[in-house]
Each structure stands twice: as structure tokens, then as C-alpha cells.
Amino acid sequence: EDTAARVFLSPAYFSRIFKEEMKENFNSYVNSVRVDAARRLLLKENIPLVEISTMVGFEGQSYFSKVFKKNVGVTPGRYRESRGNAPAQYK
């Protein structure tokens, strides 16, 4: 709703044209951008997972972990431990 308001469109119309252009819904796109940022932070920094989840825009570590695992194939902690060597199908 906030993004749609910033571009002076209704949320429904914004959602529809975003999906037509990007071939995925807005929330999925935002989550993938957040996960990409988290992946970089997990490899470069020794920041607690709860702090990384907040830094990349998730309101809770539990939801962050769920979305991260869905996108990457492993939990953020396992990703950090493996130094980014996630299963090949998720790279």
C-alpha cells in the first residue's frame, strides 16, 4: 500500500501491473531483494542473525528464517556456516 501510494496508484492496480512486468508479485520480489542483501551480510559480517533480519527489513527473525530457507534452501545459520555453499538448485 505504501509503495502504491508513492506512485499514485491503487494497491490493486499497482500489484497487477507489477506482476505483469516483473512476472512475480511485489511481496515475493521485495523478499528476494531482502534475502540477497542478507546473504551478503551473512558472508561478510559477524552480525547476529536477529540483527541481520532487522537490517534487511524483516520484522521478525522467525519469518526471516522461513523466507530465507524458502529462497536459498538452507536456514541463515546453515548458510553462514557453509560460507554460502548452498545446495546447487538454490544458487
N, C-alpha and C. Protein backbone atom coordinates (compact mmCIF):
# COMPACT_ATOMS: atom_id res chain seq x y z
N GLU A 1 0.82 -1.19 0.00
CA GLU A 1 0.00 0.00 0.00
C GLU A 1 0.86 1.26 0.00
N ASP A 2 1.94 1.24 0.79
CA ASP A 2 2.82 2.42 0.84
C ASP A 2 3.48 2.68 -0.51
N THR A 3 3.96 1.62 -1.13
CA THR A 3 4.62 1.78 -2.43
C THR A 3 3.64 2.26 -3.49
N ALA A 4 2.46 1.69 -3.50
CA ALA A 4 1.43 2.12 -4.46
C ALA A 4 1.09 3.59 -4.25
N ALA A 5 0.97 4.01 -3.01
CA ALA A 5 0.64 5.40 -2.71
C ALA A 5 1.74 6.34 -3.19
N ARG A 6 2.99 5.92 -3.07
CA ARG A 6 4.12 6.77 -3.51
C ARG A 6 4.13 7.00 -5.02
N VAL A 7 3.55 6.06 -5.76
CA VAL A 7 3.50 6.22 -7.22
C VAL A 7 2.09 6.57 -7.69
N PHE A 8 1.26 6.95 -6.75
CA PHE A 8 -0.09 7.46 -7.03
C PHE A 8 -0.98 6.45 -7.76
N LEU A 9 -0.89 5.19 -7.32
CA LEU A 9 -1.74 4.14 -7.88
C LEU A 9 -2.47 3.43 -6.76
N SER A 10 -3.58 2.81 -7.10
CA SER A 10 -4.27 2.00 -6.10
C SER A 10 -3.43 0.74 -5.87
N PRO A 11 -3.51 0.18 -4.67
CA PRO A 11 -2.74 -1.04 -4.41
C PRO A 11 -3.06 -2.18 -5.38
N ALA A 12 -4.31 -2.34 -5.73
CA ALA A 12 -4.70 -3.42 -6.64
C ALA A 12 -4.10 -3.21 -8.04
N TYR A 13 -4.16 -1.98 -8.53
CA TYR A 13 -3.62 -1.68 -9.86
C TYR A 13 -2.11 -1.81 -9.86
N PHE A 14 -1.46 -1.29 -8.84
CA PHE A 14 -0.01 -1.41 -8.73
C PHE A 14 0.41 -2.87 -8.73
N SER A 15 -0.28 -3.68 -7.93
CA SER A 15 0.03 -5.10 -7.84
C SER A 15 -0.11 -5.78 -9.19
N ARG A 16 -1.17 -5.45 -9.90
CA ARG A 16 -1.42 -6.07 -11.20
C ARG A 16 -0.35 -5.70 -12.22
N ILE A 17 -0.01 -4.42 -12.33
CA ILE A 17 0.98 -4.02 -13.34
C ILE A 17 2.39 -4.48 -12.95
N PHE A 18 2.67 -4.54 -11.65
CA PHE A 18 3.96 -5.04 -11.20
C PHE A 18 4.12 -6.50 -11.62
N LYS A 19 3.10 -7.30 -11.37
CA LYS A 19 3.17 -8.72 -11.72
C LYS A 19 3.26 -8.91 -13.23
N GLU A 20 2.55 -8.11 -14.01
CA GLU A 20 2.63 -8.21 -15.47
C GLU A 20 4.04 -7.92 -15.97
N GLU A 21 4.67 -6.91 -15.40
CA GLU A 21 6.01 -6.50 -15.85
C GLU A 21 7.13 -7.39 -15.31
N MET A 22 7.03 -7.75 -14.04
CA MET A 22 8.13 -8.45 -13.37
C MET A 22 7.96 -9.98 -13.32
N LYS A 23 6.77 -10.46 -13.67
CA LYS A 23 6.47 -11.90 -13.66
C LYS A 23 6.52 -12.53 -12.27
N GLU A 24 6.40 -11.72 -11.25
CA GLU A 24 6.26 -12.19 -9.87
C GLU A 24 5.56 -11.10 -9.07
N ASN A 25 4.96 -11.48 -7.95
CA ASN A 25 4.26 -10.46 -7.20
C ASN A 25 5.23 -9.59 -6.42
N PHE A 26 4.75 -8.43 -6.00
CA PHE A 26 5.61 -7.43 -5.36
C PHE A 26 6.24 -7.96 -4.08
N ASN A 27 5.46 -8.63 -3.24
CA ASN A 27 6.00 -9.14 -1.98
C ASN A 27 7.11 -10.16 -2.21
N SER A 28 6.95 -11.03 -3.17
CA SER A 28 8.00 -12.00 -3.49
C SER A 28 9.27 -11.30 -3.96
N TYR A 29 9.08 -10.28 -4.78
CA TYR A 29 10.24 -9.53 -5.28
C TYR A 29 10.98 -8.85 -4.13
N VAL A 30 10.25 -8.18 -3.26
CA VAL A 30 10.87 -7.49 -2.13
C VAL A 30 11.59 -8.50 -1.24
N ASN A 31 10.96 -9.63 -0.98
CA ASN A 31 11.61 -10.64 -0.14
C ASN A 31 12.88 -11.18 -0.78
N SER A 32 12.89 -11.35 -2.10
CA SER A 32 14.11 -11.84 -2.75
C SER A 32 15.23 -10.81 -2.67
N VAL A 33 14.90 -9.54 -2.77
CA VAL A 33 15.90 -8.48 -2.62
C VAL A 33 16.45 -8.48 -1.19
N ARG A 34 15.56 -8.65 -0.22
CA ARG A 34 15.99 -8.70 1.18
C ARG A 34 16.89 -9.91 1.45
N VAL A 35 16.53 -11.05 0.90
CA VAL A 35 17.33 -12.27 1.09
C VAL A 35 18.71 -12.10 0.45
N ASP A 36 18.77 -11.50 -0.73
CA ASP A 36 20.07 -11.26 -1.38
C ASP A 36 20.96 -10.38 -0.50
N ALA A 37 20.38 -9.35 0.09
CA ALA A 37 21.14 -8.48 0.99
C ALA A 37 21.60 -9.26 2.22
N ALA A 38 20.73 -10.10 2.75
CA ALA A 38 21.08 -10.90 3.92
C ALA A 38 22.21 -11.87 3.60
N ARG A 39 22.18 -12.46 2.42
CA ARG A 39 23.25 -13.39 2.02
C ARG A 39 24.60 -12.71 2.05
N ARG A 40 24.66 -11.50 1.54
CA ARG A 40 25.92 -10.76 1.56
C ARG A 40 26.37 -10.47 2.99
N LEU A 41 25.44 -10.04 3.83
CA LEU A 41 25.78 -9.74 5.22
C LEU A 41 26.23 -10.99 5.97
N LEU A 42 25.59 -12.11 5.70
CA LEU A 42 25.95 -13.35 6.38
C LEU A 42 27.37 -13.80 6.04
N LEU A 43 27.84 -13.47 4.86
CA LEU A 43 29.18 -13.89 4.45
C LEU A 43 30.26 -12.90 4.87
N LYS A 44 29.93 -11.65 4.96
CA LYS A 44 30.94 -10.62 5.21
C LYS A 44 31.05 -10.19 6.66
N GLU A 45 30.02 -10.35 7.41
CA GLU A 45 29.99 -9.79 8.75
C GLU A 45 29.69 -10.84 9.80
N ASN A 46 30.08 -10.55 11.02
CA ASN A 46 29.73 -11.42 12.15
C ASN A 46 28.63 -10.74 12.96
N ILE A 47 27.53 -10.47 12.30
CA ILE A 47 26.39 -9.79 12.91
C ILE A 47 25.38 -10.86 13.32
N PRO A 48 24.78 -10.73 14.50
CA PRO A 48 23.77 -11.71 14.91
C PRO A 48 22.63 -11.81 13.90
N LEU A 49 22.08 -13.00 13.74
CA LEU A 49 21.00 -13.22 12.76
C LEU A 49 19.81 -12.32 13.00
N VAL A 50 19.46 -12.11 14.27
CA VAL A 50 18.31 -11.26 14.56
C VAL A 50 18.55 -9.83 14.08
N GLU A 51 19.78 -9.37 14.17
CA GLU A 51 20.10 -8.03 13.70
C GLU A 51 20.08 -7.96 12.17
N ILE A 52 20.59 -8.99 11.52
CA ILE A 52 20.55 -9.03 10.05
C ILE A 52 19.10 -9.01 9.57
N SER A 53 18.25 -9.79 10.23
CA SER A 53 16.85 -9.83 9.80
C SER A 53 16.23 -8.44 9.86
N THR A 54 16.56 -7.68 10.89
CA THR A 54 16.04 -6.31 11.02
C THR A 54 16.68 -5.38 9.99
N MET A 55 17.98 -5.54 9.78
CA MET A 55 18.70 -4.68 8.83
C MET A 55 18.14 -4.79 7.42
N VAL A 56 17.71 -5.98 7.03
CA VAL A 56 17.22 -6.17 5.66
C VAL A 56 15.71 -5.98 5.54
N GLY A 57 15.05 -5.64 6.66
CA GLY A 57 13.65 -5.25 6.57
C GLY A 57 12.61 -6.24 7.05
N PHE A 58 13.02 -7.35 7.66
CA PHE A 58 12.04 -8.27 8.22
C PHE A 58 11.72 -7.87 9.64
N GLU A 59 10.47 -8.04 10.03
CA GLU A 59 10.06 -7.63 11.37
C GLU A 59 10.36 -8.68 12.43
N GLY A 60 10.61 -9.91 12.02
CA GLY A 60 10.92 -10.95 12.99
C GLY A 60 11.90 -11.95 12.43
N GLN A 61 12.76 -12.49 13.29
CA GLN A 61 13.75 -13.44 12.85
C GLN A 61 13.12 -14.74 12.34
N SER A 62 12.01 -15.14 12.94
CA SER A 62 11.35 -16.38 12.53
C SER A 62 10.88 -16.30 11.08
N TYR A 63 10.21 -15.20 10.73
CA TYR A 63 9.74 -15.03 9.35
C TYR A 63 10.93 -14.89 8.40
N PHE A 64 11.95 -14.17 8.83
CA PHE A 64 13.17 -14.04 8.04
C PHE A 64 13.75 -15.42 7.72
N SER A 65 13.87 -16.26 8.74
CA SER A 65 14.43 -17.59 8.54
C SER A 65 13.58 -18.41 7.58
N LYS A 66 12.27 -18.31 7.71
CA LYS A 66 11.35 -19.05 6.84
C LYS A 66 11.51 -18.61 5.38
N VAL A 67 11.52 -17.31 5.14
CA VAL A 67 11.65 -16.78 3.79
C VAL A 67 13.04 -17.09 3.23
N PHE A 68 14.05 -16.95 4.06
CA PHE A 68 15.42 -17.23 3.62
C PHE A 68 15.54 -18.69 3.18
N LYS A 69 15.04 -19.61 4.00
CA LYS A 69 15.13 -21.03 3.66
C LYS A 69 14.36 -21.35 2.39
N LYS A 70 13.20 -20.72 2.22
CA LYS A 70 12.40 -20.94 1.02
C LYS A 70 13.16 -20.49 -0.23
N ASN A 71 13.89 -19.38 -0.12
CA ASN A 71 14.61 -18.83 -1.27
C ASN A 71 15.98 -19.47 -1.50
N VAL A 72 16.65 -19.87 -0.44
CA VAL A 72 18.03 -20.32 -0.56
C VAL A 72 18.17 -21.84 -0.38
N GLY A 73 17.26 -22.44 0.37
CA GLY A 73 17.31 -23.88 0.56
C GLY A 73 17.88 -24.31 1.89
N VAL A 74 18.47 -23.38 2.61
CA VAL A 74 19.02 -23.65 3.94
C VAL A 74 18.68 -22.47 4.84
N THR A 75 18.76 -22.69 6.14
CA THR A 75 18.50 -21.60 7.08
C THR A 75 19.65 -20.59 7.03
N PRO A 76 19.42 -19.37 7.50
CA PRO A 76 20.50 -18.38 7.52
C PRO A 76 21.73 -18.87 8.30
N GLY A 77 21.50 -19.54 9.42
CA GLY A 77 22.62 -20.05 10.21
C GLY A 77 23.44 -21.07 9.45
N ARG A 78 22.77 -21.99 8.78
CA ARG A 78 23.47 -23.01 7.98
C ARG A 78 24.19 -22.36 6.79
N TYR A 79 23.56 -21.36 6.21
CA TYR A 79 24.18 -20.65 5.10
C TYR A 79 25.49 -20.01 5.55
N ARG A 80 25.45 -19.36 6.71
CA ARG A 80 26.65 -18.73 7.26
C ARG A 80 27.71 -19.78 7.55
N GLU A 81 27.32 -20.89 8.16
CA GLU A 81 28.27 -21.96 8.49
C GLU A 81 28.93 -22.53 7.25
N SER A 82 28.15 -22.64 6.17
CA SER A 82 28.69 -23.22 4.93
C SER A 82 29.41 -22.19 4.07
N ARG A 83 29.46 -20.96 4.56
CA ARG A 83 30.09 -19.84 3.84
C ARG A 83 29.48 -19.64 2.45
N GLY A 84 28.16 -19.84 2.38
CA GLY A 84 27.45 -19.58 1.14
C GLY A 84 27.36 -20.75 0.20
N ASN A 85 27.84 -21.91 0.60
CA ASN A 85 27.76 -23.08 -0.26
C ASN A 85 26.42 -23.76 -0.11
N ALA A 86 25.38 -23.07 -0.57
CA ALA A 86 24.02 -23.60 -0.51
C ALA A 86 23.85 -24.68 -1.57
N PRO A 87 22.82 -25.51 -1.44
CA PRO A 87 22.57 -26.50 -2.48
C PRO A 87 22.51 -25.87 -3.87
N ALA A 88 23.04 -26.55 -4.86
CA ALA A 88 23.18 -26.01 -6.22
C ALA A 88 21.87 -25.50 -6.81
N GLN A 89 20.76 -26.15 -6.53
CA GLN A 89 19.49 -25.72 -7.14
C GLN A 89 19.03 -24.36 -6.63
N TYR A 90 19.65 -23.84 -5.57
CA TYR A 90 19.22 -22.56 -5.00
C TYR A 90 20.18 -21.42 -5.29
N LYS A 91 21.24 -21.68 -6.00
CA LYS A 91 22.23 -20.61 -6.27
C LYS A 91 21.82 -19.75 -7.42
